[in-house]
N, C-alpha and C. Protein backbone atom coordinates (compact mmCIF):
# COMPACT_ATOMS: atom_id res chain seq x y z
N MET A 1 128.06 74.38 95.66
CA MET A 1 126.61 74.42 95.44
C MET A 1 125.98 75.48 96.36
N GLU A 2 125.17 76.33 95.81
CA GLU A 2 124.57 77.40 96.58
C GLU A 2 123.47 76.84 97.50
N GLU A 3 123.50 77.32 98.76
CA GLU A 3 122.50 76.90 99.72
C GLU A 3 121.39 77.95 99.80
N PHE A 4 120.16 77.48 99.91
CA PHE A 4 119.02 78.39 99.97
C PHE A 4 118.28 78.17 101.28
N TYR A 5 118.78 78.79 102.33
CA TYR A 5 118.21 78.58 103.66
C TYR A 5 116.75 79.02 103.70
N TYR A 6 116.45 80.21 103.20
CA TYR A 6 115.09 80.73 103.29
C TYR A 6 114.13 79.95 102.40
N LEU A 7 114.63 79.49 101.27
CA LEU A 7 113.79 78.69 100.39
C LEU A 7 113.42 77.36 101.06
N SER A 8 114.32 76.84 101.86
CA SER A 8 114.03 75.60 102.59
C SER A 8 112.93 75.81 103.63
N GLN A 9 112.68 77.08 103.99
CA GLN A 9 111.62 77.43 104.95
C GLN A 9 110.39 78.01 104.24
N ARG A 10 110.26 77.67 102.98
CA ARG A 10 109.21 78.26 102.13
C ARG A 10 107.82 78.21 102.77
N LYS A 11 107.43 77.08 103.29
CA LYS A 11 106.08 76.92 103.83
C LYS A 11 105.80 77.93 104.95
N ASP A 12 106.80 78.19 105.78
CA ASP A 12 106.61 79.10 106.92
C ASP A 12 106.71 80.56 106.51
N LEU A 13 107.45 80.87 105.44
CA LEU A 13 107.73 82.26 105.10
C LEU A 13 106.85 82.83 103.99
N LEU A 14 106.24 81.98 103.18
CA LEU A 14 105.40 82.48 102.10
C LEU A 14 104.22 83.35 102.57
N PRO A 15 103.61 83.05 103.72
CA PRO A 15 102.51 83.93 104.17
C PRO A 15 102.94 85.39 104.32
N GLU A 16 104.19 85.62 104.68
CA GLU A 16 104.67 86.99 104.82
C GLU A 16 104.81 87.67 103.46
N VAL A 17 105.23 86.91 102.46
CA VAL A 17 105.29 87.43 101.09
C VAL A 17 103.89 87.85 100.65
N LYS A 18 102.92 86.98 100.93
CA LYS A 18 101.53 87.27 100.55
C LYS A 18 101.03 88.55 101.22
N GLU A 19 101.23 88.67 102.52
CA GLU A 19 100.70 89.81 103.25
C GLU A 19 101.30 91.13 102.78
N ILE A 20 102.59 91.14 102.52
CA ILE A 20 103.25 92.40 102.16
C ILE A 20 103.05 92.74 100.69
N PHE A 21 103.22 91.77 99.79
CA PHE A 21 103.39 92.10 98.38
C PHE A 21 102.25 91.66 97.45
N ASP A 22 101.35 90.80 97.91
CA ASP A 22 100.34 90.27 96.98
C ASP A 22 99.49 91.37 96.36
N LYS A 23 99.12 92.40 97.11
CA LYS A 23 98.28 93.46 96.55
C LYS A 23 98.99 94.19 95.41
N TYR A 24 100.31 94.29 95.49
CA TYR A 24 101.06 94.95 94.41
C TYR A 24 101.19 94.03 93.19
N PHE A 25 101.49 92.74 93.44
CA PHE A 25 101.56 91.79 92.33
C PHE A 25 100.25 91.75 91.56
N ARG A 26 99.13 91.85 92.28
CA ARG A 26 97.82 91.82 91.63
C ARG A 26 97.60 93.08 90.78
N GLN A 27 98.19 94.20 91.20
CA GLN A 27 98.13 95.41 90.37
C GLN A 27 98.84 95.19 89.04
N PHE A 28 99.86 94.33 89.07
CA PHE A 28 100.61 94.02 87.85
C PHE A 28 99.98 92.88 87.05
N GLY A 29 98.91 92.27 87.59
CA GLY A 29 98.17 91.25 86.85
C GLY A 29 98.43 89.81 87.25
N LYS A 30 99.23 89.58 88.31
CA LYS A 30 99.51 88.22 88.76
C LYS A 30 99.38 88.16 90.28
N ASN A 31 99.19 86.95 90.83
CA ASN A 31 99.17 86.82 92.28
C ASN A 31 100.57 86.43 92.78
N TYR A 32 100.74 86.43 94.08
CA TYR A 32 102.08 86.23 94.66
C TYR A 32 102.63 84.84 94.36
N LEU A 33 101.78 83.82 94.30
CA LEU A 33 102.26 82.47 94.03
C LEU A 33 102.77 82.33 92.60
N THR A 34 102.07 82.95 91.66
CA THR A 34 102.51 82.91 90.26
C THR A 34 103.88 83.56 90.12
N VAL A 35 104.03 84.72 90.74
CA VAL A 35 105.32 85.41 90.69
C VAL A 35 106.40 84.57 91.35
N PHE A 36 106.11 84.08 92.55
CA PHE A 36 107.11 83.31 93.29
C PHE A 36 107.54 82.07 92.53
N ASP A 37 106.59 81.32 92.03
CA ASP A 37 106.90 80.05 91.36
C ASP A 37 107.72 80.24 90.09
N ASN A 38 107.69 81.44 89.51
CA ASN A 38 108.42 81.69 88.27
C ASN A 38 109.73 82.42 88.47
N LEU A 39 110.14 82.57 89.73
CA LEU A 39 111.45 83.12 90.03
C LEU A 39 112.50 82.01 90.04
N SER A 40 113.74 82.37 89.82
CA SER A 40 114.83 81.41 90.01
C SER A 40 114.94 81.10 91.50
N ASP A 41 115.61 80.02 91.85
CA ASP A 41 115.77 79.67 93.26
C ASP A 41 116.49 80.77 94.02
N THR A 42 117.45 81.39 93.38
CA THR A 42 118.18 82.48 94.03
C THR A 42 117.25 83.63 94.38
N LYS A 43 116.38 84.00 93.44
CA LYS A 43 115.44 85.11 93.68
C LYS A 43 114.34 84.71 94.66
N LYS A 44 113.90 83.45 94.60
CA LYS A 44 112.93 82.97 95.58
C LYS A 44 113.49 83.12 97.00
N ASP A 45 114.73 82.68 97.16
CA ASP A 45 115.37 82.76 98.46
C ASP A 45 115.49 84.21 98.93
N LYS A 46 115.81 85.09 98.00
CA LYS A 46 115.96 86.50 98.36
C LYS A 46 114.62 87.13 98.71
N LEU A 47 113.57 86.80 97.97
CA LEU A 47 112.24 87.34 98.28
C LEU A 47 111.78 86.89 99.66
N LEU A 48 111.98 85.62 99.98
CA LEU A 48 111.61 85.11 101.30
C LEU A 48 112.43 85.77 102.39
N LYS A 49 113.71 85.98 102.12
CA LYS A 49 114.60 86.59 103.11
C LYS A 49 114.18 88.02 103.43
N ILE A 50 113.97 88.84 102.40
CA ILE A 50 113.65 90.25 102.64
C ILE A 50 112.24 90.40 103.21
N SER A 51 111.33 89.50 102.84
CA SER A 51 109.97 89.54 103.38
C SER A 51 109.97 89.24 104.87
N PHE A 52 110.74 88.23 105.26
CA PHE A 52 110.86 87.89 106.67
C PHE A 52 111.47 89.04 107.45
N PHE A 53 112.53 89.62 106.93
CA PHE A 53 113.21 90.75 107.59
C PHE A 53 112.28 91.94 107.75
N TYR A 54 111.64 92.33 106.67
CA TYR A 54 110.81 93.54 106.70
C TYR A 54 109.52 93.34 107.49
N TYR A 55 108.96 92.15 107.42
CA TYR A 55 107.71 91.87 108.14
C TYR A 55 107.88 92.10 109.64
N TRP A 56 108.99 91.58 110.18
CA TRP A 56 109.20 91.64 111.63
C TRP A 56 109.95 92.89 112.07
N ARG A 57 110.40 93.70 111.13
CA ARG A 57 111.12 94.92 111.48
C ARG A 57 110.41 96.17 110.99
N GLY A 58 109.11 96.04 110.79
CA GLY A 58 108.38 97.23 110.39
C GLY A 58 106.96 97.00 109.91
N TRP A 59 106.80 96.15 108.89
CA TRP A 59 105.50 96.03 108.24
C TRP A 59 104.40 95.63 109.22
N LYS A 60 104.65 94.63 110.02
CA LYS A 60 103.64 94.11 110.95
C LYS A 60 103.15 95.21 111.89
N PHE A 61 104.07 96.07 112.32
CA PHE A 61 103.71 97.09 113.29
C PHE A 61 102.95 98.25 112.65
N LEU A 62 103.15 98.44 111.36
CA LEU A 62 102.41 99.50 110.66
C LEU A 62 100.93 99.16 110.53
N GLN A 63 100.60 97.88 110.66
CA GLN A 63 99.21 97.47 110.53
C GLN A 63 98.43 97.67 111.82
N SER A 64 99.15 97.99 112.90
CA SER A 64 98.53 98.12 114.21
C SER A 64 98.13 99.56 114.50
N ASP A 65 96.95 99.74 115.10
CA ASP A 65 96.53 101.08 115.51
C ASP A 65 97.40 101.61 116.65
N ASP A 66 98.10 100.70 117.29
CA ASP A 66 98.95 101.08 118.43
C ASP A 66 100.41 101.23 118.00
N CYS A 67 100.63 101.42 116.70
CA CYS A 67 101.98 101.46 116.14
C CYS A 67 102.86 102.50 116.83
N ALA A 68 102.29 103.66 117.14
CA ALA A 68 103.09 104.74 117.73
C ALA A 68 103.75 104.32 119.04
N LYS A 69 103.11 103.37 119.74
CA LYS A 69 103.66 102.94 121.02
C LYS A 69 104.58 101.74 120.88
N THR A 70 104.53 101.07 119.74
CA THR A 70 105.26 99.82 119.62
C THR A 70 106.46 99.87 118.69
N PHE A 71 106.50 100.83 117.79
CA PHE A 71 107.59 100.83 116.80
C PHE A 71 107.82 102.22 116.26
N ASP A 72 109.03 102.49 115.92
CA ASP A 72 109.39 103.81 115.41
C ASP A 72 109.36 103.81 113.88
N ARG A 73 108.75 104.83 113.30
CA ARG A 73 108.60 104.87 111.85
C ARG A 73 109.93 105.06 111.13
N SER A 74 110.87 105.71 111.78
CA SER A 74 112.19 105.85 111.17
C SER A 74 112.81 104.47 110.94
N ALA A 75 112.66 103.58 111.92
CA ALA A 75 113.20 102.23 111.79
C ALA A 75 112.50 101.46 110.68
N VAL A 76 111.20 101.69 110.50
CA VAL A 76 110.45 101.05 109.42
C VAL A 76 111.01 101.47 108.06
N LEU A 77 111.21 102.78 107.90
CA LEU A 77 111.72 103.29 106.62
C LEU A 77 113.14 102.80 106.38
N ILE A 78 113.99 102.83 107.40
CA ILE A 78 115.37 102.36 107.26
C ILE A 78 115.38 100.87 106.90
N SER A 79 114.49 100.10 107.50
CA SER A 79 114.41 98.67 107.17
C SER A 79 114.05 98.47 105.70
N LEU A 80 113.13 99.27 105.20
CA LEU A 80 112.71 99.14 103.81
C LEU A 80 113.82 99.57 102.85
N ILE A 81 114.56 100.60 103.21
CA ILE A 81 115.71 101.01 102.39
C ILE A 81 116.77 99.91 102.39
N SER A 82 116.95 99.26 103.54
CA SER A 82 117.90 98.15 103.63
C SER A 82 117.47 96.98 102.76
N VAL A 83 116.16 96.76 102.65
CA VAL A 83 115.64 95.72 101.76
C VAL A 83 116.04 96.01 100.32
N ILE A 84 115.88 97.26 99.91
CA ILE A 84 116.25 97.65 98.55
C ILE A 84 117.73 97.43 98.32
N GLU A 85 118.54 97.82 99.30
CA GLU A 85 119.98 97.63 99.18
C GLU A 85 120.32 96.15 99.03
N THR A 86 119.60 95.30 99.75
CA THR A 86 119.86 93.86 99.69
C THR A 86 119.53 93.27 98.33
N ILE A 87 118.39 93.62 97.77
CA ILE A 87 118.00 93.00 96.49
C ILE A 87 118.84 93.52 95.33
N MET A 88 119.46 94.70 95.50
CA MET A 88 120.28 95.27 94.43
C MET A 88 121.76 94.95 94.58
N SER A 89 122.11 94.29 95.67
CA SER A 89 123.53 94.04 95.93
C SER A 89 124.07 92.95 95.02
N VAL A 90 125.36 93.05 94.73
CA VAL A 90 126.06 92.00 94.00
C VAL A 90 127.06 91.36 94.97
N LYS A 91 127.52 90.19 94.66
CA LYS A 91 128.47 89.51 95.53
C LYS A 91 129.70 90.39 95.73
N HIS A 92 129.99 90.67 97.00
CA HIS A 92 131.07 91.62 97.31
C HIS A 92 132.44 91.06 96.92
N LYS A 93 133.27 91.98 96.45
CA LYS A 93 134.66 91.66 96.17
C LYS A 93 135.52 92.76 96.74
N ASP A 94 136.51 92.38 97.54
CA ASP A 94 137.40 93.36 98.15
C ASP A 94 138.08 94.22 97.08
N PHE A 95 138.18 95.53 97.36
CA PHE A 95 138.76 96.44 96.37
C PHE A 95 140.16 96.02 95.96
N TYR A 96 140.98 95.59 96.92
CA TYR A 96 142.36 95.23 96.61
C TYR A 96 142.40 94.03 95.65
N GLU A 97 141.55 93.04 95.91
CA GLU A 97 141.50 91.89 95.02
C GLU A 97 141.03 92.31 93.63
N TRP A 98 140.02 93.16 93.59
CA TRP A 98 139.52 93.66 92.30
C TRP A 98 140.59 94.49 91.61
N TYR A 99 141.28 95.31 92.38
CA TYR A 99 142.34 96.17 91.84
C TYR A 99 143.44 95.35 91.18
N LYS A 100 143.86 94.24 91.82
CA LYS A 100 144.91 93.40 91.26
C LYS A 100 144.49 92.82 89.91
N SER A 101 143.22 92.52 89.77
CA SER A 101 142.77 91.90 88.53
C SER A 101 142.48 92.91 87.43
N GLU A 102 142.24 94.18 87.80
CA GLU A 102 141.83 95.19 86.83
C GLU A 102 142.91 96.21 86.47
N SER A 103 143.90 96.39 87.32
CA SER A 103 144.84 97.49 87.12
C SER A 103 145.63 97.39 85.83
N ASN A 104 145.94 96.19 85.39
CA ASN A 104 146.70 96.04 84.14
C ASN A 104 145.82 96.11 82.90
N LYS A 105 144.50 96.00 83.10
CA LYS A 105 143.59 95.99 81.97
C LYS A 105 143.14 97.39 81.57
N LYS A 106 142.97 98.27 82.57
CA LYS A 106 142.37 99.57 82.28
C LYS A 106 143.30 100.73 82.54
N SER A 107 143.69 100.90 83.80
CA SER A 107 144.46 102.07 84.16
C SER A 107 145.22 101.79 85.45
N SER A 108 146.33 102.48 85.64
CA SER A 108 147.07 102.38 86.89
C SER A 108 146.68 103.50 87.84
N ASN A 109 145.76 104.37 87.39
CA ASN A 109 145.30 105.48 88.22
C ASN A 109 144.30 104.95 89.25
N VAL A 110 144.68 105.04 90.53
CA VAL A 110 143.86 104.46 91.59
C VAL A 110 142.50 105.14 91.69
N GLU A 111 142.45 106.45 91.49
CA GLU A 111 141.18 107.18 91.58
C GLU A 111 140.20 106.70 90.51
N ILE A 112 140.71 106.53 89.29
CA ILE A 112 139.86 106.04 88.20
C ILE A 112 139.37 104.62 88.51
N LEU A 113 140.28 103.79 89.00
CA LEU A 113 139.90 102.42 89.33
C LEU A 113 138.90 102.37 90.49
N TRP A 114 139.08 103.25 91.47
CA TRP A 114 138.13 103.29 92.59
C TRP A 114 136.74 103.66 92.11
N ASN A 115 136.65 104.62 91.21
CA ASN A 115 135.35 105.00 90.64
C ASN A 115 134.75 103.85 89.83
N ASP A 116 135.60 103.14 89.10
CA ASP A 116 135.12 101.97 88.34
C ASP A 116 134.61 100.89 89.29
N TYR A 117 135.32 100.70 90.39
CA TYR A 117 134.92 99.71 91.40
C TYR A 117 133.56 100.06 91.99
N LEU A 118 133.36 101.34 92.31
CA LEU A 118 132.09 101.77 92.89
C LEU A 118 130.93 101.61 91.91
N GLU A 119 131.22 101.72 90.62
CA GLU A 119 130.18 101.52 89.61
C GLU A 119 129.62 100.11 89.67
N ILE A 120 130.46 99.17 90.12
CA ILE A 120 130.03 97.77 90.19
C ILE A 120 129.53 97.42 91.58
N TYR A 121 130.26 97.84 92.61
CA TYR A 121 129.98 97.39 93.96
C TYR A 121 129.44 98.47 94.90
N GLY A 122 129.34 99.71 94.44
CA GLY A 122 128.90 100.79 95.31
C GLY A 122 127.42 100.72 95.62
N SER A 123 127.07 100.79 96.91
CA SER A 123 125.66 100.68 97.34
C SER A 123 124.83 101.87 96.88
N SER A 124 125.39 103.07 96.94
CA SER A 124 124.62 104.26 96.55
C SER A 124 124.29 104.22 95.06
N LYS A 125 125.20 103.70 94.26
CA LYS A 125 124.95 103.59 92.82
C LYS A 125 123.81 102.61 92.56
N LYS A 126 123.78 101.51 93.32
CA LYS A 126 122.72 100.52 93.18
C LYS A 126 121.37 101.09 93.62
N MET A 127 121.41 101.94 94.64
CA MET A 127 120.17 102.57 95.10
C MET A 127 119.60 103.48 94.00
N ARG A 128 120.48 104.26 93.36
CA ARG A 128 120.02 105.11 92.25
C ARG A 128 119.44 104.27 91.12
N GLU A 129 120.10 103.18 90.82
CA GLU A 129 119.63 102.29 89.75
C GLU A 129 118.24 101.76 90.06
N PHE A 130 118.00 101.40 91.31
CA PHE A 130 116.69 100.89 91.72
C PHE A 130 115.62 101.96 91.54
N PHE A 131 115.86 103.16 92.05
CA PHE A 131 114.86 104.24 91.96
C PHE A 131 114.57 104.60 90.51
N GLU A 132 115.59 104.60 89.67
CA GLU A 132 115.39 104.96 88.26
C GLU A 132 114.63 103.88 87.51
N LYS A 133 114.84 102.63 87.86
CA LYS A 133 114.29 101.51 87.08
C LYS A 133 112.93 101.03 87.57
N TYR A 134 112.70 101.06 88.87
CA TYR A 134 111.52 100.38 89.41
C TYR A 134 110.44 101.30 89.98
N LEU A 135 110.71 102.57 90.18
CA LEU A 135 109.65 103.48 90.60
C LEU A 135 108.82 103.91 89.40
N ASP A 136 107.50 103.90 89.55
CA ASP A 136 106.63 104.37 88.48
C ASP A 136 106.83 105.87 88.25
N LYS A 137 106.46 106.31 87.06
CA LYS A 137 106.64 107.72 86.70
C LYS A 137 105.92 108.66 87.66
N ASP A 138 104.68 108.32 88.02
CA ASP A 138 103.92 109.18 88.92
C ASP A 138 104.56 109.24 90.30
N ASP A 139 105.11 108.13 90.75
CA ASP A 139 105.76 108.10 92.05
C ASP A 139 107.06 108.90 92.04
N LYS A 140 107.79 108.81 90.95
CA LYS A 140 108.99 109.63 90.81
C LYS A 140 108.63 111.11 90.87
N ASN A 141 107.59 111.48 90.14
CA ASN A 141 107.18 112.90 90.11
C ASN A 141 106.73 113.38 91.48
N TYR A 142 106.03 112.50 92.21
CA TYR A 142 105.58 112.87 93.56
C TYR A 142 106.77 113.23 94.45
N LEU A 143 107.81 112.41 94.42
CA LEU A 143 108.98 112.66 95.25
C LEU A 143 109.79 113.86 94.75
N ILE A 144 109.99 113.94 93.45
CA ILE A 144 110.80 115.03 92.88
C ILE A 144 110.15 116.38 93.12
N ASN A 145 108.84 116.43 93.03
CA ASN A 145 108.12 117.72 93.12
C ASN A 145 107.79 118.15 94.54
N ASN A 146 108.12 117.32 95.53
CA ASN A 146 107.70 117.64 96.89
C ASN A 146 108.82 117.80 97.91
N ILE A 147 110.05 117.47 97.55
CA ILE A 147 111.16 117.57 98.50
C ILE A 147 112.14 118.65 98.05
N TYR A 148 112.46 119.55 98.96
CA TYR A 148 113.40 120.62 98.61
C TYR A 148 114.11 121.14 99.86
N CYS A 149 115.22 121.84 99.64
CA CYS A 149 115.86 122.60 100.72
C CYS A 149 115.84 124.07 100.31
N CYS A 150 116.02 124.93 101.28
CA CYS A 150 115.99 126.37 101.01
C CYS A 150 117.40 126.91 100.80
N LEU A 151 117.58 127.70 99.75
CA LEU A 151 118.85 128.38 99.52
C LEU A 151 118.93 129.61 100.42
N LYS A 152 120.10 130.22 100.49
CA LYS A 152 120.30 131.39 101.36
C LYS A 152 119.39 132.55 100.98
N ASN A 153 119.05 132.64 99.69
CA ASN A 153 118.17 133.72 99.24
C ASN A 153 116.69 133.40 99.44
N GLY A 154 116.42 132.24 100.06
CA GLY A 154 115.04 131.87 100.35
C GLY A 154 114.36 131.06 99.26
N GLN A 155 115.02 130.88 98.13
CA GLN A 155 114.42 130.11 97.05
C GLN A 155 114.40 128.62 97.37
N LYS A 156 113.40 127.93 96.83
CA LYS A 156 113.28 126.50 97.02
C LYS A 156 114.18 125.77 96.03
N ASN A 157 114.99 124.87 96.52
CA ASN A 157 115.89 124.10 95.66
C ASN A 157 115.43 122.64 95.65
N TYR A 158 114.62 122.29 94.64
CA TYR A 158 114.11 120.93 94.51
C TYR A 158 115.19 120.01 93.94
N PHE A 159 115.06 118.71 94.21
CA PHE A 159 116.06 117.75 93.74
C PHE A 159 116.07 117.62 92.21
N LYS A 160 114.90 117.61 91.61
CA LYS A 160 114.72 117.59 90.15
C LYS A 160 115.06 116.25 89.49
N GLU A 161 115.90 115.43 90.11
CA GLU A 161 116.29 114.15 89.52
C GLU A 161 116.04 113.04 90.53
N ILE A 162 115.54 111.91 90.05
CA ILE A 162 115.21 110.81 90.96
C ILE A 162 116.46 110.23 91.59
N ARG A 163 117.59 110.30 90.92
CA ARG A 163 118.82 109.74 91.51
C ARG A 163 119.22 110.53 92.75
N LYS A 164 118.89 111.82 92.79
CA LYS A 164 119.19 112.63 93.97
C LYS A 164 118.24 112.29 95.11
N ILE A 165 117.01 111.93 94.76
CA ILE A 165 116.08 111.44 95.78
C ILE A 165 116.61 110.14 96.37
N ALA A 166 117.12 109.26 95.51
CA ALA A 166 117.70 107.99 95.98
C ALA A 166 118.85 108.26 96.94
N ASP A 167 119.70 109.22 96.59
CA ASP A 167 120.83 109.57 97.46
C ASP A 167 120.32 110.08 98.81
N TRP A 168 119.21 110.83 98.80
CA TRP A 168 118.64 111.39 100.02
C TRP A 168 118.16 110.29 100.96
N PHE A 169 117.44 109.32 100.39
CA PHE A 169 116.98 108.19 101.20
C PHE A 169 118.17 107.36 101.69
N TYR A 170 119.15 107.16 100.84
CA TYR A 170 120.32 106.37 101.24
C TYR A 170 121.11 107.08 102.34
N ALA A 171 121.13 108.41 102.30
CA ALA A 171 121.80 109.18 103.34
C ALA A 171 121.14 108.97 104.70
N MET A 172 119.79 108.87 104.70
CA MET A 172 119.08 108.56 105.94
C MET A 172 119.56 107.24 106.51
N ARG A 173 119.64 106.24 105.65
CA ARG A 173 120.05 104.91 106.07
C ARG A 173 121.49 104.94 106.60
N SER A 174 122.38 105.64 105.91
CA SER A 174 123.78 105.67 106.31
C SER A 174 123.98 106.41 107.63
N GLU A 175 123.24 107.50 107.82
CA GLU A 175 123.32 108.24 109.07
C GLU A 175 122.90 107.36 110.24
N PHE A 176 121.85 106.59 110.02
CA PHE A 176 121.32 105.71 111.06
C PHE A 176 122.28 104.56 111.35
N VAL A 177 122.77 103.91 110.31
CA VAL A 177 123.57 102.70 110.46
C VAL A 177 125.01 103.00 110.87
N HIS A 178 125.63 103.97 110.20
CA HIS A 178 127.06 104.23 110.41
C HIS A 178 127.36 105.28 111.48
N ASN A 179 126.46 106.24 111.64
CA ASN A 179 126.74 107.34 112.56
C ASN A 179 125.81 107.40 113.77
N SER A 180 124.92 106.41 113.86
CA SER A 180 123.94 106.37 114.97
C SER A 180 123.14 107.66 115.07
N GLU A 181 122.87 108.28 113.92
CA GLU A 181 122.10 109.52 113.88
C GLU A 181 120.63 109.19 113.65
N TYR A 182 119.79 109.69 114.50
CA TYR A 182 118.35 109.45 114.41
C TYR A 182 117.71 110.45 113.45
N VAL A 183 116.96 109.95 112.50
CA VAL A 183 116.24 110.79 111.55
C VAL A 183 114.75 110.65 111.85
N PRO A 184 114.16 111.63 112.55
CA PRO A 184 112.73 111.50 112.91
C PRO A 184 111.82 111.56 111.70
N ILE A 185 110.98 110.56 111.55
CA ILE A 185 110.03 110.48 110.44
C ILE A 185 108.62 110.55 111.00
N PRO A 186 107.87 111.60 110.71
CA PRO A 186 106.53 111.74 111.28
C PRO A 186 105.51 110.82 110.61
N ASP A 187 104.48 110.50 111.36
CA ASP A 187 103.37 109.73 110.84
C ASP A 187 102.33 110.68 110.24
N GLY A 188 101.37 110.12 109.52
CA GLY A 188 100.25 110.91 109.05
C GLY A 188 100.50 111.66 107.76
N ASP A 189 99.59 112.59 107.46
CA ASP A 189 99.65 113.41 106.25
C ASP A 189 99.79 114.88 106.65
N TYR A 190 100.66 115.60 105.94
CA TYR A 190 100.89 117.01 106.24
C TYR A 190 101.02 117.81 104.94
N LEU A 191 100.60 119.04 104.99
CA LEU A 191 100.82 119.93 103.85
C LEU A 191 102.29 120.32 103.75
N MET A 192 102.98 120.29 104.89
CA MET A 192 104.40 120.64 104.91
C MET A 192 105.04 120.12 106.20
N ILE A 193 106.19 119.45 106.08
CA ILE A 193 106.98 119.07 107.25
C ILE A 193 108.45 119.33 106.95
N GLY A 194 109.26 119.34 107.99
CA GLY A 194 110.70 119.46 107.84
C GLY A 194 111.39 118.20 108.33
N ILE A 195 112.40 117.75 107.60
CA ILE A 195 113.17 116.56 107.97
C ILE A 195 114.65 116.90 107.88
N SER A 196 115.39 116.64 108.95
CA SER A 196 116.82 116.91 108.98
C SER A 196 117.59 115.66 108.61
N VAL A 197 118.42 115.75 107.56
CA VAL A 197 119.23 114.63 107.10
C VAL A 197 120.66 115.11 106.88
N CYS A 198 121.62 114.46 107.53
CA CYS A 198 123.04 114.80 107.38
C CYS A 198 123.31 116.28 107.66
N GLY A 199 122.64 116.82 108.64
CA GLY A 199 122.89 118.20 109.03
C GLY A 199 122.19 119.25 108.19
N LYS A 200 121.43 118.82 107.18
CA LYS A 200 120.70 119.76 106.34
C LYS A 200 119.20 119.59 106.56
N TYR A 201 118.50 120.70 106.49
CA TYR A 201 117.06 120.68 106.74
C TYR A 201 116.32 120.69 105.41
N TYR A 202 115.47 119.69 105.21
CA TYR A 202 114.70 119.56 103.98
C TYR A 202 113.21 119.70 104.29
N PHE A 203 112.49 120.22 103.31
CA PHE A 203 111.05 120.37 103.45
C PHE A 203 110.35 119.39 102.51
N PHE A 204 109.26 118.83 103.00
CA PHE A 204 108.50 117.85 102.22
C PHE A 204 107.07 118.35 102.15
N GLU A 205 106.65 118.77 100.96
CA GLU A 205 105.28 119.22 100.76
C GLU A 205 104.38 118.01 100.48
N GLU A 206 103.09 118.17 100.80
CA GLU A 206 102.12 117.09 100.56
C GLU A 206 102.66 115.75 101.06
N TYR A 207 103.16 115.79 102.29
CA TYR A 207 103.81 114.62 102.89
C TYR A 207 102.79 113.57 103.33
N SER A 208 103.07 112.31 103.02
CA SER A 208 102.26 111.19 103.48
C SER A 208 103.18 110.01 103.76
N PHE A 209 103.32 109.65 105.03
CA PHE A 209 104.20 108.54 105.39
C PHE A 209 103.75 107.24 104.71
N LYS A 210 102.45 106.97 104.75
CA LYS A 210 101.95 105.74 104.14
C LYS A 210 102.20 105.70 102.64
N LYS A 211 102.12 106.86 101.99
CA LYS A 211 102.37 106.89 100.55
C LYS A 211 103.83 106.59 100.24
N ILE A 212 104.74 107.13 101.04
CA ILE A 212 106.16 106.86 100.83
C ILE A 212 106.44 105.37 100.98
N ILE A 213 105.89 104.77 102.05
CA ILE A 213 106.09 103.34 102.27
C ILE A 213 105.49 102.54 101.13
N SER A 214 104.30 102.92 100.68
CA SER A 214 103.64 102.21 99.58
C SER A 214 104.45 102.29 98.29
N ILE A 215 105.02 103.45 98.00
CA ILE A 215 105.84 103.63 96.81
C ILE A 215 107.03 102.67 96.83
N LEU A 216 107.71 102.59 97.97
CA LEU A 216 108.89 101.74 98.06
C LEU A 216 108.51 100.26 98.05
N GLU A 217 107.44 99.89 98.75
CA GLU A 217 106.99 98.49 98.74
C GLU A 217 106.60 98.06 97.33
N LYS A 218 105.85 98.89 96.64
CA LYS A 218 105.41 98.56 95.28
C LYS A 218 106.61 98.40 94.35
N SER A 219 107.63 99.21 94.55
CA SER A 219 108.82 99.14 93.70
C SER A 219 109.60 97.85 93.95
N VAL A 220 109.64 97.41 95.20
CA VAL A 220 110.28 96.12 95.51
C VAL A 220 109.49 94.99 94.84
N ALA A 221 108.16 95.07 94.93
CA ALA A 221 107.32 94.07 94.26
C ALA A 221 107.56 94.07 92.76
N LYS A 222 107.71 95.25 92.18
CA LYS A 222 107.95 95.35 90.74
C LYS A 222 109.27 94.70 90.35
N TYR A 223 110.28 94.85 91.19
CA TYR A 223 111.57 94.21 90.94
C TYR A 223 111.38 92.69 90.79
N PHE A 224 110.71 92.07 91.75
CA PHE A 224 110.53 90.62 91.70
C PHE A 224 109.57 90.21 90.59
N PHE A 225 108.55 91.02 90.33
CA PHE A 225 107.63 90.73 89.23
C PHE A 225 108.38 90.71 87.90
N ASN A 226 109.24 91.70 87.69
CA ASN A 226 110.01 91.76 86.45
C ASN A 226 110.96 90.57 86.33
N GLU A 227 111.51 90.13 87.47
CA GLU A 227 112.42 88.98 87.45
C GLU A 227 111.68 87.69 87.08
N SER A 228 110.39 87.64 87.37
CA SER A 228 109.62 86.43 87.08
C SER A 228 109.08 86.38 85.66
N LEU A 229 109.02 87.52 85.00
CA LEU A 229 108.35 87.61 83.69
C LEU A 229 108.87 86.63 82.63
N PRO A 230 110.19 86.47 82.48
CA PRO A 230 110.68 85.56 81.42
C PRO A 230 110.14 84.14 81.53
N ASN A 231 109.71 83.74 82.73
CA ASN A 231 109.27 82.35 82.95
C ASN A 231 107.76 82.20 83.01
N ILE A 232 107.02 83.33 83.00
CA ILE A 232 105.57 83.25 83.08
C ILE A 232 104.97 83.01 81.70
N ARG A 233 104.14 81.99 81.62
CA ARG A 233 103.46 81.69 80.35
C ARG A 233 102.14 82.45 80.31
N CYS A 234 101.91 83.13 79.22
CA CYS A 234 100.66 83.90 79.07
C CYS A 234 99.48 82.94 78.89
């Protein structure tokens, strides 16, 4: 029987769901309680879990005028990317165990099987799926049209595809988590800034830290809103 620790703490954790996500749920036409009550217990538990994590590892400090002295914006963004990774994750299965069950069904080629395994359990693939499915069209265009690196001939090389933007954000998270590499994220609004990720220098035009955070928060809200729709009565 599945245990729902966070759901058992519903009374204490729901205020955090309200503070972070209610404004986005209302944009979609429902309030946070309507969305929450129409989720499965598994999704309720996950919403409470990620809200608690993100609230105390970033969101709360962004609301403070003294944020610059109390919390680092890079950590806020990494926390939000980790939230996305969490809600898109599937129950992990060791590659060897999966390989034993699949090798006789499809192929004995390990490379092909590894790619098949990543299609199911790979975190970067899930990140791309999230960006493609839950970001609004205008938000996708904002990111695609504003981030680029410079080629040797000086030309701007834009990502052009939202899945590449997803890979860029995931690379930030991986550098921070796996390689202890700090990715400085500036506050405020700029006509142009530079951000170094994985040893490459990228430029971000019409940069707005709050807009980036809002885009990702709204997309997380959209994920849970969509999960609640089958159970909502009009």
